Amino acid sequence: MLTLTDYYADWCEPCKWLEPILEELKKHFGDRIIIQKVNIDENAADAAALHILSVPTLILRRDGKEIWRKRGFDIAPKMINEIESSLS
């Protein structure tokens, strides 16, 4: 199973800009991917263990193993291409 985790903070303006892009990713990938969100302020120990130094940070995992990571974000088509490339 593929899981895309968005590590974010409520005070982070770029994290808010990412929302519509995550919606596009959900539409594109459908049930091939689970998208979840983790607030780094509420889960500081987890964020530190994963070396998340800036938000937003996206981590794609296959069966729990990290296969792709991105700090910040890009336009939806480019992110779709990056994720598709990681899947092949």
PDB file of N, CA and C in Angstrom:
ATOM      1  N   MET A   1       0.824  -1.176   0.000  1.00  0.00           N
ATOM      2  CA  MET A   1       0.000   0.000   0.000  1.00  0.00           C
ATOM      3  C   MET A   1       0.873   1.246   0.000  1.00  0.00           C
ATOM      4  N   LEU A   2       0.474   2.240  -0.759  1.00  0.00           N
ATOM      5  CA  LEU A   2       1.201   3.509  -0.829  1.00  0.00           C
ATOM      6  C   LEU A   2       0.538   4.542   0.067  1.00  0.00           C
ATOM      7  N   THR A   3       1.379   5.251   0.818  1.00  0.00           N
ATOM      8  CA  THR A   3       0.897   6.307   1.694  1.00  0.00           C
ATOM      9  C   THR A   3       1.730   7.553   1.452  1.00  0.00           C
ATOM     10  N   LEU A   4       1.060   8.674   1.203  1.00  0.00           N
ATOM     11  CA  LEU A   4       1.722   9.968   1.080  1.00  0.00           C
ATOM     12  C   LEU A   4       1.379  10.751   2.337  1.00  0.00           C
ATOM     13  N   THR A   5       2.406  11.102   3.116  1.00  0.00           N
ATOM     14  CA  THR A   5       2.197  11.837   4.354  1.00  0.00           C
ATOM     15  C   THR A   5       2.662  13.268   4.172  1.00  0.00           C
ATOM     16  N   ASP A   6       1.771  14.194   4.498  1.00  0.00           N
ATOM     17  CA  ASP A   6       2.055  15.627   4.464  1.00  0.00           C
ATOM     18  C   ASP A   6       2.362  16.069   5.880  1.00  0.00           C
ATOM     19  N   TYR A   7       3.619  16.413   6.151  1.00  0.00           N
ATOM     20  CA  TYR A   7       4.016  16.960   7.441  1.00  0.00           C
ATOM     21  C   TYR A   7       3.879  18.466   7.345  1.00  0.00           C
ATOM     22  N   TYR A   8       3.048  19.034   8.209  1.00  0.00           N
ATOM     23  CA  TYR A   8       2.677  20.444   8.095  1.00  0.00           C
ATOM     24  C   TYR A   8       2.599  21.081   9.481  1.00  0.00           C
ATOM     25  N   ALA A   9       2.354  22.391   9.489  1.00  0.00           N
ATOM     26  CA  ALA A   9       2.069  23.127  10.724  1.00  0.00           C
ATOM     27  C   ALA A   9       0.953  24.115  10.424  1.00  0.00           C
ATOM     28  N   ASP A  10       0.117  24.359  11.421  1.00  0.00           N
ATOM     29  CA  ASP A  10      -1.011  25.278  11.226  1.00  0.00           C
ATOM     30  C   ASP A  10      -0.553  26.699  10.886  1.00  0.00           C
ATOM     31  N   TRP A  11       0.603  27.106  11.387  1.00  0.00           N
ATOM     32  CA  TRP A  11       1.105  28.463  11.164  1.00  0.00           C
ATOM     33  C   TRP A  11       1.814  28.614   9.814  1.00  0.00           C
ATOM     34  N   CYS A  12       1.985  27.545   9.093  1.00  0.00           N
ATOM     35  CA  CYS A  12       2.758  27.523   7.835  1.00  0.00           C
ATOM     36  C   CYS A  12       1.870  27.909   6.649  1.00  0.00           C
ATOM     37  N   GLU A  13       2.138  29.069   6.074  1.00  0.00           N
ATOM     38  CA  GLU A  13       1.332  29.521   4.939  1.00  0.00           C
ATOM     39  C   GLU A  13       1.503  28.620   3.707  1.00  0.00           C
ATOM     40  N   PRO A  14       2.741  28.232   3.328  1.00  0.00           N
ATOM     41  CA  PRO A  14       2.881  27.319   2.184  1.00  0.00           C
ATOM     42  C   PRO A  14       2.155  25.988   2.389  1.00  0.00           C
ATOM     43  N   CYS A  15       2.025  25.555   3.637  1.00  0.00           N
ATOM     44  CA  CYS A  15       1.285  24.320   3.913  1.00  0.00           C
ATOM     45  C   CYS A  15      -0.174  24.473   3.489  1.00  0.00           C
ATOM     46  N   LYS A  16      -0.714  25.659   3.685  1.00  0.00           N
ATOM     47  CA  LYS A  16      -2.097  25.930   3.276  1.00  0.00           C
ATOM     48  C   LYS A  16      -2.215  25.960   1.758  1.00  0.00           C
ATOM     49  N   TRP A  17      -1.195  26.473   1.087  1.00  0.00           N
ATOM     50  CA  TRP A  17      -1.195  26.516  -0.382  1.00  0.00           C
ATOM     51  C   TRP A  17      -1.145  25.119  -0.974  1.00  0.00           C
ATOM     52  N   LEU A  18      -0.616  24.167  -0.215  1.00  0.00           N
ATOM     53  CA  LEU A  18      -0.489  22.789  -0.685  1.00  0.00           C
ATOM     54  C   LEU A  18      -1.838  22.067  -0.762  1.00  0.00           C
ATOM     55  N   GLU A  19      -2.812  22.498   0.012  1.00  0.00           N
ATOM     56  CA  GLU A  19      -4.110  21.808   0.092  1.00  0.00           C
ATOM     57  C   GLU A  19      -4.740  21.504  -1.271  1.00  0.00           C
ATOM     58  N   PRO A  20      -4.896  22.496  -2.166  1.00  0.00           N
ATOM     59  CA  PRO A  20      -5.519  22.174  -3.461  1.00  0.00           C
ATOM     60  C   PRO A  20      -4.684  21.198  -4.301  1.00  0.00           C
ATOM     61  N   ILE A  21      -3.377  21.222  -4.106  1.00  0.00           N
ATOM     62  CA  ILE A  21      -2.507  20.295  -4.833  1.00  0.00           C
ATOM     63  C   ILE A  21      -2.724  18.877  -4.313  1.00  0.00           C
ATOM     64  N   LEU A  22      -2.862  18.736  -2.996  1.00  0.00           N
ATOM     65  CA  LEU A  22      -3.154  17.413  -2.433  1.00  0.00           C
ATOM     66  C   LEU A  22      -4.485  16.892  -2.953  1.00  0.00           C
ATOM     67  N   GLU A  23      -5.458  17.781  -3.122  1.00  0.00           N
ATOM     68  CA  GLU A  23      -6.751  17.373  -3.686  1.00  0.00           C
ATOM     69  C   GLU A  23      -6.584  16.856  -5.113  1.00  0.00           C
ATOM     70  N   GLU A  24      -5.733  17.522  -5.899  1.00  0.00           N
ATOM     71  CA  GLU A  24      -5.470  17.055  -7.270  1.00  0.00           C
ATOM     72  C   GLU A  24      -4.774  15.698  -7.255  1.00  0.00           C
ATOM     73  N   LEU A  25      -3.857  15.511  -6.319  1.00  0.00           N
ATOM     74  CA  LEU A  25      -3.180  14.216  -6.212  1.00  0.00           C
ATOM     75  C   LEU A  25      -4.186  13.123  -5.861  1.00  0.00           C
ATOM     76  N   LYS A  26      -5.108  13.428  -4.942  1.00  0.00           N
ATOM     77  CA  LYS A  26      -6.156  12.451  -4.574  1.00  0.00           C
ATOM     78  C   LYS A  26      -6.986  12.074  -5.795  1.00  0.00           C
ATOM     79  N   LYS A  27      -7.358  13.073  -6.595  1.00  0.00           N
ATOM     80  CA  LYS A  27      -8.159  12.807  -7.797  1.00  0.00           C
ATOM     81  C   LYS A  27      -7.388  11.946  -8.786  1.00  0.00           C
ATOM     82  N   HIS A  28      -6.112  12.260  -8.968  1.00  0.00           N
ATOM     83  CA  HIS A  28      -5.300  11.532  -9.953  1.00  0.00           C
ATOM     84  C   HIS A  28      -5.044  10.086  -9.527  1.00  0.00           C
ATOM     85  N   PHE A  29      -4.611   9.894  -8.287  1.00  0.00           N
ATOM     86  CA  PHE A  29      -4.199   8.565  -7.842  1.00  0.00           C
ATOM     87  C   PHE A  29      -5.350   7.722  -7.316  1.00  0.00           C
ATOM     88  N   GLY A  30      -6.447   8.361  -6.929  1.00  0.00           N
ATOM     89  CA  GLY A  30      -7.605   7.614  -6.447  1.00  0.00           C
ATOM     90  C   GLY A  30      -7.257   6.686  -5.303  1.00  0.00           C
ATOM     91  N   ASP A  31      -7.681   5.431  -5.421  1.00  0.00           N
ATOM     92  CA  ASP A  31      -7.450   4.483  -4.327  1.00  0.00           C
ATOM     93  C   ASP A  31      -6.075   3.814  -4.392  1.00  0.00           C
ATOM     94  N   ARG A  32      -5.216   4.267  -5.308  1.00  0.00           N
ATOM     95  CA  ARG A  32      -3.850   3.713  -5.367  1.00  0.00           C
ATOM     96  C   ARG A  32      -2.962   4.266  -4.254  1.00  0.00           C
ATOM     97  N   ILE A  33      -3.413   5.347  -3.603  1.00  0.00           N
ATOM     98  CA  ILE A  33      -2.579   6.014  -2.607  1.00  0.00           C
ATOM     99  C   ILE A  33      -3.460   6.547  -1.475  1.00  0.00           C
ATOM    100  N   ILE A  34      -2.945   6.468  -0.262  1.00  0.00           N
ATOM    101  CA  ILE A  34      -3.601   7.061   0.898  1.00  0.00           C
ATOM    102  C   ILE A  34      -2.846   8.343   1.217  1.00  0.00           C
ATOM    103  N   ILE A  35      -3.567   9.437   1.385  1.00  0.00           N
ATOM    104  CA  ILE A  35      -2.932  10.702   1.757  1.00  0.00           C
ATOM    105  C   ILE A  35      -3.320  11.003   3.201  1.00  0.00           C
ATOM    106  N   GLN A  36      -2.294  11.218   4.021  1.00  0.00           N
ATOM    107  CA  GLN A  36      -2.546  11.554   5.415  1.00  0.00           C
ATOM    108  C   GLN A  36      -1.753  12.805   5.795  1.00  0.00           C
ATOM    109  N   LYS A  37      -2.179  13.468   6.844  1.00  0.00           N
ATOM    110  CA  LYS A  37      -1.544  14.696   7.305  1.00  0.00           C
ATOM    111  C   LYS A  37      -1.069  14.516   8.735  1.00  0.00           C
ATOM    112  N   VAL A  38       0.128  15.047   9.033  1.00  0.00           N
ATOM    113  CA  VAL A  38       0.680  14.987  10.379  1.00  0.00           C
ATOM    114  C   VAL A  38       1.147  16.394  10.758  1.00  0.00           C
ATOM    115  N   ASN A  39       0.576  16.913  11.830  1.00  0.00           N
ATOM    116  CA  ASN A  39       0.951  18.227  12.341  1.00  0.00           C
ATOM    117  C   ASN A  39       2.244  18.071  13.142  1.00  0.00           C
ATOM    118  N   ILE A  40       3.307  18.753  12.715  1.00  0.00           N
ATOM    119  CA  ILE A  40       4.602  18.582  13.376  1.00  0.00           C
ATOM    120  C   ILE A  40       4.632  19.175  14.777  1.00  0.00           C
ATOM    121  N   ASP A  41       3.777  20.158  15.050  1.00  0.00           N
ATOM    122  CA  ASP A  41       3.733  20.726  16.398  1.00  0.00           C
ATOM    123  C   ASP A  41       3.093  19.751  17.385  1.00  0.00           C
ATOM    124  N   GLU A  42       2.155  18.963  16.916  1.00  0.00           N
ATOM    125  CA  GLU A  42       1.493  17.975  17.769  1.00  0.00           C
ATOM    126  C   GLU A  42       2.251  16.651  17.803  1.00  0.00           C
ATOM    127  N   ASN A  43       3.168  16.458  16.867  1.00  0.00           N
ATOM    128  CA  ASN A  43       3.937  15.210  16.756  1.00  0.00           C
ATOM    129  C   ASN A  43       5.416  15.531  16.584  1.00  0.00           C
ATOM    130  N   ALA A  44       5.933  16.370  17.476  1.00  0.00           N
ATOM    131  CA  ALA A  44       7.308  16.867  17.354  1.00  0.00           C
ATOM    132  C   ALA A  44       8.348  15.744  17.410  1.00  0.00           C
ATOM    133  N   ALA A  45       8.133  14.752  18.255  1.00  0.00           N
ATOM    134  CA  ALA A  45       9.110  13.658  18.372  1.00  0.00           C
ATOM    135  C   ALA A  45       9.186  12.870  17.067  1.00  0.00           C
ATOM    136  N   ASP A  46       8.037  12.607  16.455  1.00  0.00           N
ATOM    137  CA  ASP A  46       8.020  11.882  15.174  1.00  0.00           C
ATOM    138  C   ASP A  46       8.720  12.692  14.098  1.00  0.00           C
ATOM    139  N   ALA A  47       8.432  13.998  14.050  1.00  0.00           N
ATOM    140  CA  ALA A  47       9.054  14.867  13.050  1.00  0.00           C
ATOM    141  C   ALA A  47      10.573  14.899  13.232  1.00  0.00           C
ATOM    142  N   ALA A  48      11.022  14.982  14.464  1.00  0.00           N
ATOM    143  CA  ALA A  48      12.461  14.997  14.728  1.00  0.00           C
ATOM    144  C   ALA A  48      13.106  13.670  14.324  1.00  0.00           C
ATOM    145  N   ALA A  49      12.439  12.564  14.633  1.00  0.00           N
ATOM    146  CA  ALA A  49      12.985  11.245  14.287  1.00  0.00           C
ATOM    147  C   ALA A  49      13.122  11.073  12.780  1.00  0.00           C
ATOM    148  N   LEU A  50      12.237  11.742  12.029  1.00  0.00           N
ATOM    149  CA  LEU A  50      12.275  11.656  10.559  1.00  0.00           C
ATOM    150  C   LEU A  50      13.111  12.771   9.929  1.00  0.00           C
ATOM    151  N   HIS A  51      13.759  13.577  10.767  1.00  0.00           N
ATOM    152  CA  HIS A  51      14.613  14.673  10.299  1.00  0.00           C
ATOM    153  C   HIS A  51      13.838  15.672   9.441  1.00  0.00           C
ATOM    154  N   ILE A  52      12.623  15.975   9.860  1.00  0.00           N
ATOM    155  CA  ILE A  52      11.817  16.960   9.146  1.00  0.00           C
ATOM    156  C   ILE A  52      12.177  18.324   9.713  1.00  0.00           C
ATOM    157  N   LEU A  53      12.894  19.109   8.899  1.00  0.00           N
ATOM    158  CA  LEU A  53      13.420  20.387   9.344  1.00  0.00           C
ATOM    159  C   LEU A  53      12.632  21.567   8.796  1.00  0.00           C
ATOM    160  N   SER A  54      11.787  21.313   7.803  1.00  0.00           N
ATOM    161  CA  SER A  54      10.976  22.386   7.241  1.00  0.00           C
ATOM    162  C   SER A  54       9.650  21.798   6.787  1.00  0.00           C
ATOM    163  N   VAL A  55       8.662  22.667   6.726  1.00  0.00           N
ATOM    164  CA  VAL A  55       7.341  22.251   6.283  1.00  0.00           C
ATOM    165  C   VAL A  55       6.889  23.147   5.140  1.00  0.00           C
ATOM    166  N   PRO A  56       6.100  22.616   4.242  1.00  0.00           N
ATOM    167  CA  PRO A  56       5.638  21.244   4.221  1.00  0.00           C
ATOM    168  C   PRO A  56       6.729  20.282   3.748  1.00  0.00           C
ATOM    169  N   THR A  57       6.685  19.087   4.274  1.00  0.00           N
ATOM    170  CA  THR A  57       7.508  17.978   3.791  1.00  0.00           C
ATOM    171  C   THR A  57       6.559  16.836   3.471  1.00  0.00           C
ATOM    172  N   LEU A  58       6.735  16.267   2.297  1.00  0.00           N
ATOM    173  CA  LEU A  58       5.915  15.133   1.864  1.00  0.00           C
ATOM    174  C   LEU A  58       6.789  13.888   1.815  1.00  0.00           C
ATOM    175  N   ILE A  59       6.277  12.786   2.365  1.00  0.00           N
ATOM    176  CA  ILE A  59       6.990  11.512   2.316  1.00  0.00           C
ATOM    177  C   ILE A  59       6.051  10.460   1.747  1.00  0.00           C
ATOM    178  N   LEU A  60       6.516   9.790   0.698  1.00  0.00           N
ATOM    179  CA  LEU A  60       5.765   8.695   0.091  1.00  0.00           C
ATOM    180  C   LEU A  60       6.379   7.388   0.571  1.00  0.00           C
ATOM    181  N   ARG A  61       5.520   6.500   1.071  1.00  0.00           N
ATOM    182  CA  ARG A  61       5.982   5.198   1.559  1.00  0.00           C
ATOM    183  C   ARG A  61       5.234   4.077   0.848  1.00  0.00           C
ATOM    184  N   ARG A  62       5.963   3.003   0.592  1.00  0.00           N
ATOM    185  CA  ARG A  62       5.363   1.770   0.087  1.00  0.00           C
ATOM    186  C   ARG A  62       5.544   0.734   1.181  1.00  0.00           C
ATOM    187  N   ASP A  63       4.436   0.223   1.682  1.00  0.00           N
ATOM    188  CA  ASP A  63       4.460  -0.761   2.766  1.00  0.00           C
ATOM    189  C   ASP A  63       5.327  -0.280   3.940  1.00  0.00           C
ATOM    190  N   GLY A  64       5.221   1.018   4.250  1.00  0.00           N
ATOM    191  CA  GLY A  64       5.931   1.594   5.389  1.00  0.00           C
ATOM    192  C   GLY A  64       7.346   2.049   5.113  1.00  0.00           C
ATOM    193  N   LYS A  65       7.898   1.723   3.944  1.00  0.00           N
ATOM    194  CA  LYS A  65       9.275   2.100   3.619  1.00  0.00           C
ATOM    195  C   LYS A  65       9.281   3.355   2.743  1.00  0.00           C
ATOM    196  N   GLU A  66      10.070   4.349   3.147  1.00  0.00           N
ATOM    197  CA  GLU A  66      10.146   5.602   2.399  1.00  0.00           C
ATOM    198  C   GLU A  66      10.738   5.377   1.014  1.00  0.00           C
ATOM    199  N   ILE A  67      10.029   5.872  -0.021  1.00  0.00           N
ATOM    200  CA  ILE A  67      10.540   5.744  -1.389  1.00  0.00           C
ATOM    201  C   ILE A  67      10.697   7.103  -2.077  1.00  0.00           C
ATOM    202  N   TRP A  68      10.172   8.171  -1.458  1.00  0.00           N
ATOM    203  CA  TRP A  68      10.252   9.506  -2.067  1.00  0.00           C
ATOM    204  C   TRP A  68      10.004  10.539  -0.985  1.00  0.00           C
ATOM    205  N   ARG A  69      10.739  11.642  -1.061  1.00  0.00           N
ATOM    206  CA  ARG A  69      10.580  12.732  -0.091  1.00  0.00           C
ATOM    207  C   ARG A  69      10.745  14.060  -0.819  1.00  0.00           C
ATOM    208  N   LYS A  70       9.914  15.012  -0.444  1.00  0.00           N
ATOM    209  CA  LYS A  70       9.996  16.345  -1.040  1.00  0.00           C
ATOM    210  C   LYS A  70       9.759  17.389   0.033  1.00  0.00           C
ATOM    211  N   ARG A  71      10.683  18.342   0.123  1.00  0.00           N
ATOM    212  CA  ARG A  71      10.482  19.513   0.972  1.00  0.00           C
ATOM    213  C   ARG A  71       9.845  20.581   0.120  1.00  0.00           C
ATOM    214  N   GLY A  72       8.827  21.221   0.645  1.00  0.00           N
ATOM    215  CA  GLY A  72       8.100  22.192  -0.157  1.00  0.00           C
ATOM    216  C   GLY A  72       7.168  21.458  -1.092  1.00  0.00           C
ATOM    217  N   PHE A  73       6.809  22.119  -2.178  1.00  0.00           N
ATOM    218  CA  PHE A  73       5.925  21.482  -3.139  1.00  0.00           C
ATOM    219  C   PHE A  73       6.087  22.156  -4.491  1.00  0.00           C
ATOM    220  N   ASP A  74       5.421  21.598  -5.470  1.00  0.00           N
ATOM    221  CA  ASP A  74       5.478  22.104  -6.836  1.00  0.00           C
ATOM    222  C   ASP A  74       4.062  22.090  -7.382  1.00  0.00           C
ATOM    223  N   ILE A  75       3.914  22.436  -8.638  1.00  0.00           N
ATOM    224  CA  ILE A  75       2.590  22.361  -9.251  1.00  0.00           C
ATOM    225  C   ILE A  75       2.173  20.901  -9.330  1.00  0.00           C
ATOM    226  N   ALA A  76       0.879  20.663  -9.305  1.00  0.00           N
ATOM    227  CA  ALA A  76       0.353  19.290  -9.249  1.00  0.00           C
ATOM    228  C   ALA A  76       0.880  18.393 -10.370  1.00  0.00           C
ATOM    229  N   PRO A  77       0.867  18.833 -11.654  1.00  0.00           N
ATOM    230  CA  PRO A  77       1.350  17.921 -12.703  1.00  0.00           C
ATOM    231  C   PRO A  77       2.793  17.467 -12.485  1.00  0.00           C
ATOM    232  N   LYS A  78       3.648  18.370 -12.013  1.00  0.00           N
ATOM    233  CA  LYS A  78       5.038  17.987 -11.778  1.00  0.00           C
ATOM    234  C   LYS A  78       5.135  16.999 -10.614  1.00  0.00           C
ATOM    235  N   MET A  79       4.356  17.242  -9.562  1.00  0.00           N
ATOM    236  CA  MET A  79       4.401  16.322  -8.427  1.00  0.00           C
ATOM    237  C   MET A  79       3.837  14.953  -8.815  1.00  0.00           C
ATOM    238  N   ILE A  80       2.802  14.936  -9.633  1.00  0.00           N
ATOM    239  CA  ILE A  80       2.260  13.664 -10.119  1.00  0.00           C
ATOM    240  C   ILE A  80       3.333  12.897 -10.876  1.00  0.00           C
ATOM    241  N   ASN A  81       4.058  13.592 -11.749  1.00  0.00           N
ATOM    242  CA  ASN A  81       5.151  12.942 -12.501  1.00  0.00           C
ATOM    243  C   ASN A  81       6.238  12.403 -11.581  1.00  0.00           C
ATOM    244  N   GLU A  82       6.611  13.187 -10.567  1.00  0.00           N
ATOM    245  CA  GLU A  82       7.647  12.744  -9.638  1.00  0.00           C
ATOM    246  C   GLU A  82       7.189  11.492  -8.884  1.00  0.00           C
ATOM    247  N   ILE A  83       5.953  11.509  -8.425  1.00  0.00           N
ATOM    248  CA  ILE A  83       5.438  10.351  -7.679  1.00  0.00           C
ATOM    249  C   ILE A  83       5.312   9.141  -8.608  1.00  0.00           C
ATOM    250  N   GLU A  84       4.786   9.334  -9.821  1.00  0.00           N
ATOM    251  CA  GLU A  84       4.682   8.236 -10.789  1.00  0.00           C
ATOM    252  C   GLU A  84       6.053   7.637 -11.061  1.00  0.00           C
ATOM    253  N   SER A  85       7.086   8.480 -11.189  1.00  0.00           N
ATOM    254  CA  SER A  85       8.443   7.987 -11.437  1.00  0.00           C
ATOM    255  C   SER A  85       8.943   7.124 -10.280  1.00  0.00           C
ATOM    256  N   SER A  86       8.557   7.506  -9.068  1.00  0.00           N
ATOM    257  CA  SER A  86       8.965   6.740  -7.893  1.00  0.00           C
ATOM    258  C   SER A  86       8.286   5.384  -7.825  1.00  0.00           C
ATOM    259  N   LEU A  87       7.130   5.284  -8.462  1.00  0.00           N
ATOM    260  CA  LEU A  87       6.362   4.050  -8.393  1.00  0.00           C
ATOM    261  C   LEU A  87       6.863   2.991  -9.370  1.00  0.00           C
ATOM    262  N   SER A  88       7.585   3.420 -10.390  1.00  0.00           N
ATOM    263  CA  SER A  88       8.038   2.439 -11.406  1.00  0.00           C
ATOM    264  C   SER A  88       9.404   1.895 -11.103  1.00  0.00           C
TER     265      SER A  88
END
